[in-house]
């Protein structure tokens, strides 16, 4: 799975991705995309601290839900409603 490869790479581990894992990742992406989007008081929206953000793109690369975009080298939250409630994955990948 490409996401796990990037995660392991961030810690210096080598990991080869097989075609089966890529297919499994796509199945996971499709099933997660079908989750209902919850908008309102309880919704979870990501934010970027632009005073600390270096626009490295690790959040963009790691996010499975298409929340972030990179335009002209600047990371922005483009689809905040796609973020899953209480998902801290992008924050954990952030070096800042």
PDB file of N, CA and C in Angstrom:
ATOM      1  N   UNK A   1       0.842  -1.172   0.000  1.00  0.00           N
ATOM      2  CA  UNK A   1       0.000   0.000   0.000  1.00  0.00           C
ATOM      3  C   UNK A   1       0.888   1.236   0.000  1.00  0.00           C
ATOM      4  N   UNK A   2       0.654   2.115  -0.934  1.00  0.00           N
ATOM      5  CA  UNK A   2       1.514   3.285  -1.076  1.00  0.00           C
ATOM      6  C   UNK A   2       1.536   4.139   0.186  1.00  0.00           C
ATOM      7  N   UNK A   3       0.404   4.247   0.861  1.00  0.00           N
ATOM      8  CA  UNK A   3       0.351   5.069   2.067  1.00  0.00           C
ATOM      9  C   UNK A   3       1.259   4.483   3.131  1.00  0.00           C
ATOM     10  N   UNK A   4       1.182   3.179   3.315  1.00  0.00           N
ATOM     11  CA  UNK A   4       2.042   2.537   4.318  1.00  0.00           C
ATOM     12  C   UNK A   4       3.502   2.639   3.920  1.00  0.00           C
ATOM     13  N   UNK A   5       3.789   2.546   2.638  1.00  0.00           N
ATOM     14  CA  UNK A   5       5.168   2.693   2.177  1.00  0.00           C
ATOM     15  C   UNK A   5       5.697   4.076   2.555  1.00  0.00           C
ATOM     16  N   UNK A   6       4.901   5.110   2.296  1.00  0.00           N
ATOM     17  CA  UNK A   6       5.327   6.472   2.656  1.00  0.00           C
ATOM     18  C   UNK A   6       5.509   6.591   4.164  1.00  0.00           C
ATOM     19  N   UNK A   7       4.596   5.979   4.917  1.00  0.00           N
ATOM     20  CA  UNK A   7       4.698   6.028   6.369  1.00  0.00           C
ATOM     21  C   UNK A   7       5.985   5.349   6.834  1.00  0.00           C
ATOM     22  N   UNK A   8       6.242   4.147   6.334  1.00  0.00           N
ATOM     23  CA  UNK A   8       7.457   3.426   6.724  1.00  0.00           C
ATOM     24  C   UNK A   8       8.705   4.152   6.238  1.00  0.00           C
ATOM     25  N   UNK A   9       8.641   4.709   5.029  1.00  0.00           N
ATOM     26  CA  UNK A   9       9.778   5.467   4.500  1.00  0.00           C
ATOM     27  C   UNK A   9      10.114   6.644   5.404  1.00  0.00           C
ATOM     28  N   UNK A  10       9.083   7.256   5.996  1.00  0.00           N
ATOM     29  CA  UNK A  10       9.322   8.415   6.855  1.00  0.00           C
ATOM     30  C   UNK A  10      10.150   8.043   8.086  1.00  0.00           C
ATOM     31  N   UNK A  11      10.173   6.744   8.433  1.00  0.00           N
ATOM     32  CA  UNK A  11      10.972   6.271   9.557  1.00  0.00           C
ATOM     33  C   UNK A  11      12.236   5.540   9.104  1.00  0.00           C
ATOM     34  N   UNK A  12      12.478   5.567   7.782  1.00  0.00           N
ATOM     35  CA  UNK A  12      13.686   4.961   7.252  1.00  0.00           C
ATOM     36  C   UNK A  12      13.588   3.477   6.967  1.00  0.00           C
ATOM     37  N   UNK A  13      12.388   2.905   6.947  1.00  0.00           N
ATOM     38  CA  UNK A  13      12.210   1.491   6.652  1.00  0.00           C
ATOM     39  C   UNK A  13      12.021   1.288   5.154  1.00  0.00           C
ATOM     40  N   UNK A  14      12.609   0.240   4.628  1.00  0.00           N
ATOM     41  CA  UNK A  14      12.418  -0.108   3.219  1.00  0.00           C
ATOM     42  C   UNK A  14      11.201  -1.017   3.107  1.00  0.00           C
ATOM     43  N   UNK A  15      10.416  -0.798   2.065  1.00  0.00           N
ATOM     44  CA  UNK A  15       9.207  -1.598   1.890  1.00  0.00           C
ATOM     45  C   UNK A  15       8.856  -1.613   0.414  1.00  0.00           C
ATOM     46  N   UNK A  16       8.760  -2.798  -0.153  1.00  0.00           N
ATOM     47  CA  UNK A  16       8.389  -2.932  -1.561  1.00  0.00           C
ATOM     48  C   UNK A  16       6.882  -3.142  -1.666  1.00  0.00           C
ATOM     49  N   UNK A  17       6.241  -2.426  -2.558  1.00  0.00           N
ATOM     50  CA  UNK A  17       4.801  -2.511  -2.746  1.00  0.00           C
ATOM     51  C   UNK A  17       4.496  -3.507  -3.857  1.00  0.00           C
ATOM     52  N   UNK A  18       3.596  -4.441  -3.568  1.00  0.00           N
ATOM     53  CA  UNK A  18       3.205  -5.433  -4.573  1.00  0.00           C
ATOM     54  C   UNK A  18       1.961  -4.972  -5.307  1.00  0.00           C
ATOM     55  N   UNK A  19       1.717  -5.483  -6.518  1.00  0.00           N
ATOM     56  CA  UNK A  19       0.487  -5.126  -7.245  1.00  0.00           C
ATOM     57  C   UNK A  19      -0.783  -5.471  -6.461  1.00  0.00           C
ATOM     58  N   UNK A  20      -0.740  -6.536  -5.680  1.00  0.00           N
ATOM     59  CA  UNK A  20      -1.903  -6.926  -4.876  1.00  0.00           C
ATOM     60  C   UNK A  20      -2.202  -5.851  -3.835  1.00  0.00           C
ATOM     61  N   UNK A  21      -1.160  -5.306  -3.207  1.00  0.00           N
ATOM     62  CA  UNK A  21      -1.355  -4.269  -2.200  1.00  0.00           C
ATOM     63  C   UNK A  21      -1.937  -3.001  -2.819  1.00  0.00           C
ATOM     64  N   UNK A  22      -1.502  -2.665  -4.021  1.00  0.00           N
ATOM     65  CA  UNK A  22      -2.044  -1.486  -4.701  1.00  0.00           C
ATOM     66  C   UNK A  22      -3.526  -1.692  -4.987  1.00  0.00           C
ATOM     67  N   UNK A  23      -3.894  -2.891  -5.421  1.00  0.00           N
ATOM     68  CA  UNK A  23      -5.306  -3.199  -5.673  1.00  0.00           C
ATOM     69  C   UNK A  23      -6.109  -3.136  -4.375  1.00  0.00           C
ATOM     70  N   UNK A  24      -5.554  -3.667  -3.287  1.00  0.00           N
ATOM     71  CA  UNK A  24      -6.239  -3.629  -1.991  1.00  0.00           C
ATOM     72  C   UNK A  24      -6.433  -2.190  -1.522  1.00  0.00           C
ATOM     73  N   UNK A  25      -5.425  -1.337  -1.747  1.00  0.00           N
ATOM     74  CA  UNK A  25      -5.540   0.060  -1.348  1.00  0.00           C
ATOM     75  C   UNK A  25      -6.684   0.735  -2.103  1.00  0.00           C
ATOM     76  N   UNK A  26      -6.826   0.436  -3.375  1.00  0.00           N
ATOM     77  CA  UNK A  26      -7.902   1.038  -4.162  1.00  0.00           C
ATOM     78  C   UNK A  26      -9.266   0.587  -3.642  1.00  0.00           C
ATOM     79  N   UNK A  27      -9.377  -0.675  -3.255  1.00  0.00           N
ATOM     80  CA  UNK A  27     -10.637  -1.177  -2.686  1.00  0.00           C
ATOM     81  C   UNK A  27     -10.949  -0.431  -1.394  1.00  0.00           C
ATOM     82  N   UNK A  28      -9.942  -0.223  -0.569  1.00  0.00           N
ATOM     83  CA  UNK A  28     -10.127   0.505   0.693  1.00  0.00           C
ATOM     84  C   UNK A  28     -10.545   1.941   0.409  1.00  0.00           C
ATOM     85  N   UNK A  29      -9.884   2.590  -0.540  1.00  0.00           N
ATOM     86  CA  UNK A  29     -10.233   3.978  -0.885  1.00  0.00           C
ATOM     87  C   UNK A  29     -11.695   4.077  -1.328  1.00  0.00           C
ATOM     88  N   UNK A  30     -12.132   3.137  -2.153  1.00  0.00           N
ATOM     89  CA  UNK A  30     -13.501   3.170  -2.643  1.00  0.00           C
ATOM     90  C   UNK A  30     -14.506   2.940  -1.516  1.00  0.00           C
ATOM     91  N   UNK A  31     -14.197   2.012  -0.610  1.00  0.00           N
ATOM     92  CA  UNK A  31     -15.139   1.743   0.481  1.00  0.00           C
ATOM     93  C   UNK A  31     -15.187   2.905   1.458  1.00  0.00           C
ATOM     94  N   UNK A  32     -14.043   3.541   1.723  1.00  0.00           N
ATOM     95  CA  UNK A  32     -14.010   4.686   2.631  1.00  0.00           C
ATOM     96  C   UNK A  32     -14.722   5.875   2.001  1.00  0.00           C
ATOM     97  N   UNK A  33     -14.591   6.030   0.701  1.00  0.00           N
ATOM     98  CA  UNK A  33     -15.244   7.144   0.012  1.00  0.00           C
ATOM     99  C   UNK A  33     -16.761   7.044   0.088  1.00  0.00           C
ATOM    100  N   UNK A  34     -17.273   5.845   0.297  1.00  0.00           N
ATOM    101  CA  UNK A  34     -18.717   5.674   0.355  1.00  0.00           C
ATOM    102  C   UNK A  34     -19.292   5.974   1.740  1.00  0.00           C
ATOM    103  N   UNK A  35     -18.432   6.262   2.738  1.00  0.00           N
ATOM    104  CA  UNK A  35     -18.921   6.622   4.059  1.00  0.00           C
ATOM    105  C   UNK A  35     -19.719   7.921   3.951  1.00  0.00           C
ATOM    106  N   UNK A  36     -20.781   8.050   4.722  1.00  0.00           N
ATOM    107  CA  UNK A  36     -21.542   9.302   4.665  1.00  0.00           C
ATOM    108  C   UNK A  36     -20.722  10.461   5.221  1.00  0.00           C
ATOM    109  N   UNK A  37     -20.862  11.600   4.615  1.00  0.00           N
ATOM    110  CA  UNK A  37     -20.174  12.801   5.070  1.00  0.00           C
ATOM    111  C   UNK A  37     -21.059  13.480   6.100  1.00  0.00           C
ATOM    112  N   UNK A  38     -20.498  13.762   7.248  1.00  0.00           N
ATOM    113  CA  UNK A  38     -21.260  14.382   8.326  1.00  0.00           C
ATOM    114  C   UNK A  38     -20.856  15.862   8.408  1.00  0.00           C
ATOM    115  N   UNK A  39     -21.777  16.735   8.074  1.00  0.00           N
ATOM    116  CA  UNK A  39     -21.517  18.163   8.105  1.00  0.00           C
ATOM    117  C   UNK A  39     -22.365  18.772   9.208  1.00  0.00           C
ATOM    118  N   UNK A  40     -21.760  19.613  10.006  1.00  0.00           N
ATOM    119  CA  UNK A  40     -22.508  20.257  11.080  1.00  0.00           C
ATOM    120  C   UNK A  40     -21.670  20.423  12.323  1.00  0.00           C
ATOM    121  N   UNK A  41     -22.327  20.478  13.455  1.00  0.00           N
ATOM    122  CA  UNK A  41     -21.655  20.751  14.725  1.00  0.00           C
ATOM    123  C   UNK A  41     -20.598  19.708  15.036  1.00  0.00           C
ATOM    124  N   UNK A  42     -20.897  18.445  14.763  1.00  0.00           N
ATOM    125  CA  UNK A  42     -19.978  17.370  15.121  1.00  0.00           C
ATOM    126  C   UNK A  42     -18.919  17.094  14.053  1.00  0.00           C
ATOM    127  N   UNK A  43     -18.960  17.804  12.950  1.00  0.00           N
ATOM    128  CA  UNK A  43     -18.016  17.532  11.863  1.00  0.00           C
ATOM    129  C   UNK A  43     -16.593  17.888  12.284  1.00  0.00           C
ATOM    130  N   UNK A  44     -15.657  17.203  11.692  1.00  0.00           N
ATOM    131  CA  UNK A  44     -14.242  17.351  11.987  1.00  0.00           C
ATOM    132  C   UNK A  44     -13.600  18.013  10.776  1.00  0.00           C
ATOM    133  N   UNK A  45     -13.086  19.216  10.910  1.00  0.00           N
ATOM    134  CA  UNK A  45     -12.490  19.924   9.778  1.00  0.00           C
ATOM    135  C   UNK A  45     -11.011  20.186  10.041  1.00  0.00           C
ATOM    136  N   UNK A  46     -10.164  19.829   9.106  1.00  0.00           N
ATOM    137  CA  UNK A  46      -8.733  20.071   9.272  1.00  0.00           C
ATOM    138  C   UNK A  46      -8.399  21.544   9.057  1.00  0.00           C
ATOM    139  N   UNK A  47      -7.362  21.992   9.720  1.00  0.00           N
ATOM    140  CA  UNK A  47      -6.853  23.344   9.520  1.00  0.00           C
ATOM    141  C   UNK A  47      -5.347  23.278   9.371  1.00  0.00           C
ATOM    142  N   UNK A  48      -4.779  24.268   8.738  1.00  0.00           N
ATOM    143  CA  UNK A  48      -3.337  24.357   8.590  1.00  0.00           C
ATOM    144  C   UNK A  48      -2.847  25.583   9.350  1.00  0.00           C
ATOM    145  N   UNK A  49      -1.838  25.380  10.185  1.00  0.00           N
ATOM    146  CA  UNK A  49      -1.211  26.490  10.894  1.00  0.00           C
ATOM    147  C   UNK A  49      -0.160  27.062   9.958  1.00  0.00           C
ATOM    148  N   UNK A  50      -0.520  28.086   9.205  1.00  0.00           N
ATOM    149  CA  UNK A  50       0.372  28.628   8.181  1.00  0.00           C
ATOM    150  C   UNK A  50       1.615  29.292   8.762  1.00  0.00           C
ATOM    151  N   UNK A  51       1.618  29.610  10.052  1.00  0.00           N
ATOM    152  CA  UNK A  51       2.825  30.160  10.671  1.00  0.00           C
ATOM    153  C   UNK A  51       3.888  29.076  10.826  1.00  0.00           C
ATOM    154  N   UNK A  52       3.463  27.811  10.930  1.00  0.00           N
ATOM    155  CA  UNK A  52       4.391  26.693  11.109  1.00  0.00           C
ATOM    156  C   UNK A  52       4.542  25.838   9.858  1.00  0.00           C
ATOM    157  N   UNK A  53       3.538  25.858   8.974  1.00  0.00           N
ATOM    158  CA  UNK A  53       3.517  24.992   7.796  1.00  0.00           C
ATOM    159  C   UNK A  53       4.643  25.364   6.833  1.00  0.00           C
ATOM    160  N   UNK A  54       5.386  24.352   6.395  1.00  0.00           N
ATOM    161  CA  UNK A  54       6.473  24.560   5.434  1.00  0.00           C
ATOM    162  C   UNK A  54       6.059  24.137   4.030  1.00  0.00           C
ATOM    163  N   UNK A  55       4.796  23.746   3.850  1.00  0.00           N
ATOM    164  CA  UNK A  55       4.270  23.291   2.558  1.00  0.00           C
ATOM    165  C   UNK A  55       5.054  22.099   2.006  1.00  0.00           C
ATOM    166  N   UNK A  56       5.441  21.194   2.930  1.00  0.00           N
ATOM    167  CA  UNK A  56       6.190  20.003   2.512  1.00  0.00           C
ATOM    168  C   UNK A  56       5.300  19.010   1.763  1.00  0.00           C
ATOM    169  N   UNK A  57       3.986  19.048   2.027  1.00  0.00           N
ATOM    170  CA  UNK A  57       3.043  18.187   1.318  1.00  0.00           C
ATOM    171  C   UNK A  57       2.857  16.810   1.912  1.00  0.00           C
ATOM    172  N   UNK A  58       3.437  16.545   3.072  1.00  0.00           N
ATOM    173  CA  UNK A  58       3.283  15.209   3.668  1.00  0.00           C
ATOM    174  C   UNK A  58       1.831  14.918   4.027  1.00  0.00           C
ATOM    175  N   UNK A  59       1.088  15.924   4.468  1.00  0.00           N
ATOM    176  CA  UNK A  59      -0.329  15.724   4.780  1.00  0.00           C
ATOM    177  C   UNK A  59      -1.086  15.380   3.493  1.00  0.00           C
ATOM    178  N   UNK A  60      -0.799  16.081   2.434  1.00  0.00           N
ATOM    179  CA  UNK A  60      -1.429  15.845   1.125  1.00  0.00           C
ATOM    180  C   UNK A  60      -1.122  14.435   0.628  1.00  0.00           C
ATOM    181  N   UNK A  61       0.138  14.036   0.720  1.00  0.00           N
ATOM    182  CA  UNK A  61       0.557  12.725   0.218  1.00  0.00           C
ATOM    183  C   UNK A  61      -0.042  11.583   1.028  1.00  0.00           C
ATOM    184  N   UNK A  62      -0.228  11.789   2.321  1.00  0.00           N
ATOM    185  CA  UNK A  62      -0.691  10.710   3.192  1.00  0.00           C
ATOM    186  C   UNK A  62      -2.206  10.591   3.258  1.00  0.00           C
ATOM    187  N   UNK A  63      -2.923  11.683   3.060  1.00  0.00           N
ATOM    188  CA  UNK A  63      -4.384  11.684   3.220  1.00  0.00           C
ATOM    189  C   UNK A  63      -5.060  10.818   2.160  1.00  0.00           C
ATOM    190  N   UNK A  64      -5.902   9.890   2.608  1.00  0.00           N
ATOM    191  CA  UNK A  64      -6.635   9.000   1.706  1.00  0.00           C
ATOM    192  C   UNK A  64      -7.928   9.621   1.186  1.00  0.00           C
ATOM    193  N   UNK A  65      -8.298  10.764   1.723  1.00  0.00           N
ATOM    194  CA  UNK A  65      -9.632  11.290   1.469  1.00  0.00           C
ATOM    195  C   UNK A  65      -9.675  12.519   0.572  1.00  0.00           C
ATOM    196  N   UNK A  66      -8.533  12.943   0.032  1.00  0.00           N
ATOM    197  CA  UNK A  66      -8.513  14.075  -0.887  1.00  0.00           C
ATOM    198  C   UNK A  66      -8.832  15.403  -0.242  1.00  0.00           C
ATOM    199  N   UNK A  67      -8.467  15.555   1.024  1.00  0.00           N
ATOM    200  CA  UNK A  67      -8.767  16.779   1.756  1.00  0.00           C
ATOM    201  C   UNK A  67      -7.882  17.934   1.292  1.00  0.00           C
ATOM    202  N   UNK A  68      -6.628  17.642   1.001  1.00  0.00           N
ATOM    203  CA  UNK A  68      -5.653  18.682   0.688  1.00  0.00           C
ATOM    204  C   UNK A  68      -5.371  18.768  -0.808  1.00  0.00           C
ATOM    205  N   UNK A  69      -4.875  19.926  -1.208  1.00  0.00           N
ATOM    206  CA  UNK A  69      -4.389  20.112  -2.567  1.00  0.00           C
ATOM    207  C   UNK A  69      -3.093  20.919  -2.485  1.00  0.00           C
ATOM    208  N   UNK A  70      -2.272  20.781  -3.501  1.00  0.00           N
ATOM    209  CA  UNK A  70      -1.054  21.590  -3.596  1.00  0.00           C
ATOM    210  C   UNK A  70      -1.149  22.375  -4.894  1.00  0.00           C
ATOM    211  N   UNK A  71      -1.185  23.680  -4.767  1.00  0.00           N
ATOM    212  CA  UNK A  71      -1.239  24.566  -5.920  1.00  0.00           C
ATOM    213  C   UNK A  71      -0.105  25.567  -5.817  1.00  0.00           C
ATOM    214  N   UNK A  72       0.719  25.610  -6.847  1.00  0.00           N
ATOM    215  CA  UNK A  72       1.886  26.503  -6.868  1.00  0.00           C
ATOM    216  C   UNK A  72       2.770  26.298  -5.644  1.00  0.00           C
ATOM    217  N   UNK A  73       2.914  25.044  -5.210  1.00  0.00           N
ATOM    218  CA  UNK A  73       3.777  24.709  -4.081  1.00  0.00           C
ATOM    219  C   UNK A  73       3.208  25.026  -2.714  1.00  0.00           C
ATOM    220  N   UNK A  74       1.931  25.393  -2.653  1.00  0.00           N
ATOM    221  CA  UNK A  74       1.300  25.750  -1.376  1.00  0.00           C
ATOM    222  C   UNK A  74       0.203  24.732  -1.063  1.00  0.00           C
ATOM    223  N   UNK A  75       0.274  24.148   0.137  1.00  0.00           N
ATOM    224  CA  UNK A  75      -0.734  23.184   0.583  1.00  0.00           C
ATOM    225  C   UNK A  75      -1.940  23.947   1.112  1.00  0.00           C
ATOM    226  N   UNK A  76      -3.128  23.529   0.672  1.00  0.00           N
ATOM    227  CA  UNK A  76      -4.360  24.122   1.184  1.00  0.00           C
ATOM    228  C   UNK A  76      -5.376  23.017   1.454  1.00  0.00           C
ATOM    229  N   UNK A  77      -6.330  23.310   2.331  1.00  0.00           N
ATOM    230  CA  UNK A  77      -7.443  22.408   2.595  1.00  0.00           C
ATOM    231  C   UNK A  77      -8.491  22.708   1.528  1.00  0.00           C
ATOM    232  N   UNK A  78      -8.705  21.762   0.618  1.00  0.00           N
ATOM    233  CA  UNK A  78      -9.606  21.987  -0.508  1.00  0.00           C
ATOM    234  C   UNK A  78     -10.973  21.334  -0.302  1.00  0.00           C
ATOM    235  N   UNK A  79     -11.000  20.163   0.327  1.00  0.00           N
ATOM    236  CA  UNK A  79     -12.244  19.419   0.541  1.00  0.00           C
ATOM    237  C   UNK A  79     -12.379  19.060   2.022  1.00  0.00           C
ATOM    238  N   UNK A  80     -12.590  20.027   2.907  1.00  0.00           N
ATOM    239  CA  UNK A  80     -12.620  19.726   4.349  1.00  0.00           C
ATOM    240  C   UNK A  80     -13.721  18.745   4.731  1.00  0.00           C
ATOM    241  N   UNK A  81     -14.813  18.726   3.971  1.00  0.00           N
ATOM    242  CA  UNK A  81     -15.912  17.810   4.286  1.00  0.00           C
ATOM    243  C   UNK A  81     -15.526  16.354   4.055  1.00  0.00           C
ATOM    244  N   UNK A  82     -14.442  16.105   3.327  1.00  0.00           N
ATOM    245  CA  UNK A  82     -13.979  14.732   3.092  1.00  0.00           C
ATOM    246  C   UNK A  82     -13.229  14.152   4.283  1.00  0.00           C
ATOM    247  N   UNK A  83     -12.777  15.004   5.192  1.00  0.00           N
ATOM    248  CA  UNK A  83     -12.023  14.533   6.350  1.00  0.00           C
ATOM    249  C   UNK A  83     -12.945  13.706   7.247  1.00  0.00           C
ATOM    250  N   UNK A  84     -12.427  12.596   7.742  1.00  0.00           N
ATOM    251  CA  UNK A  84     -13.212  11.715   8.615  1.00  0.00           C
ATOM    252  C   UNK A  84     -13.064  12.169  10.067  1.00  0.00           C
ATOM    253  N   UNK A  85     -14.146  12.151  10.797  1.00  0.00           N
ATOM    254  CA  UNK A  85     -14.134  12.610  12.185  1.00  0.00           C
ATOM    255  C   UNK A  85     -13.051  11.912  12.993  1.00  0.00           C
ATOM    256  N   UNK A  86     -12.298  12.713  13.722  1.00  0.00           N
ATOM    257  CA  UNK A  86     -11.238  12.247  14.627  1.00  0.00           C
ATOM    258  C   UNK A  86     -10.102  11.515  13.930  1.00  0.00           C
ATOM    259  N   UNK A  87      -9.886  11.788  12.667  1.00  0.00           N
ATOM    260  CA  UNK A  87      -8.762  11.178  11.938  1.00  0.00           C
ATOM    261  C   UNK A  87      -7.530  12.059  12.118  1.00  0.00           C
ATOM    262  N   UNK A  88      -6.518  11.606  12.850  1.00  0.00           N
ATOM    263  CA  UNK A  88      -5.341  12.434  13.093  1.00  0.00           C
ATOM    264  C   UNK A  88      -4.157  12.106  12.180  1.00  0.00           C
ATOM    265  N   UNK A  89      -4.379  11.332  11.129  1.00  0.00           N
ATOM    266  CA  UNK A  89      -3.274  10.816  10.322  1.00  0.00           C
ATOM    267  C   UNK A  89      -2.397  11.936   9.754  1.00  0.00           C
ATOM    268  N   UNK A  90      -2.986  12.950   9.177  1.00  0.00           N
ATOM    269  CA  UNK A  90      -2.175  14.003   8.549  1.00  0.00           C
ATOM    270  C   UNK A  90      -1.353  14.747   9.596  1.00  0.00           C
ATOM    271  N   UNK A  91      -1.936  14.985  10.750  1.00  0.00           N
ATOM    272  CA  UNK A  91      -1.211  15.688  11.817  1.00  0.00           C
ATOM    273  C   UNK A  91      -0.019  14.867  12.298  1.00  0.00           C
ATOM    274  N   UNK A  92      -0.172  13.571  12.301  1.00  0.00           N
ATOM    275  CA  UNK A  92       0.931  12.694  12.736  1.00  0.00           C
ATOM    276  C   UNK A  92       2.067  12.669  11.716  1.00  0.00           C
ATOM    277  N   UNK A  93       1.734  12.909  10.447  1.00  0.00           N
ATOM    278  CA  UNK A  93       2.757  12.922   9.401  1.00  0.00           C
ATOM    279  C   UNK A  93       3.487  14.257   9.328  1.00  0.00           C
ATOM    280  N   UNK A  94       2.887  15.296   9.882  1.00  0.00           N
ATOM    281  CA  UNK A  94       3.446  16.634   9.802  1.00  0.00           C
ATOM    282  C   UNK A  94       4.738  16.753  10.605  1.00  0.00           C
ATOM    283  N   UNK A  95       5.821  17.228   9.957  1.00  0.00           N
ATOM    284  CA  UNK A  95       7.088  17.387  10.684  1.00  0.00           C
ATOM    285  C   UNK A  95       7.092  18.604  11.597  1.00  0.00           C
ATOM    286  N   UNK A  96       6.140  19.477  11.443  1.00  0.00           N
ATOM    287  CA  UNK A  96       6.097  20.700  12.264  1.00  0.00           C
ATOM    288  C   UNK A  96       5.131  20.519  13.391  1.00  0.00           C
TER     289      UNK A  96
END
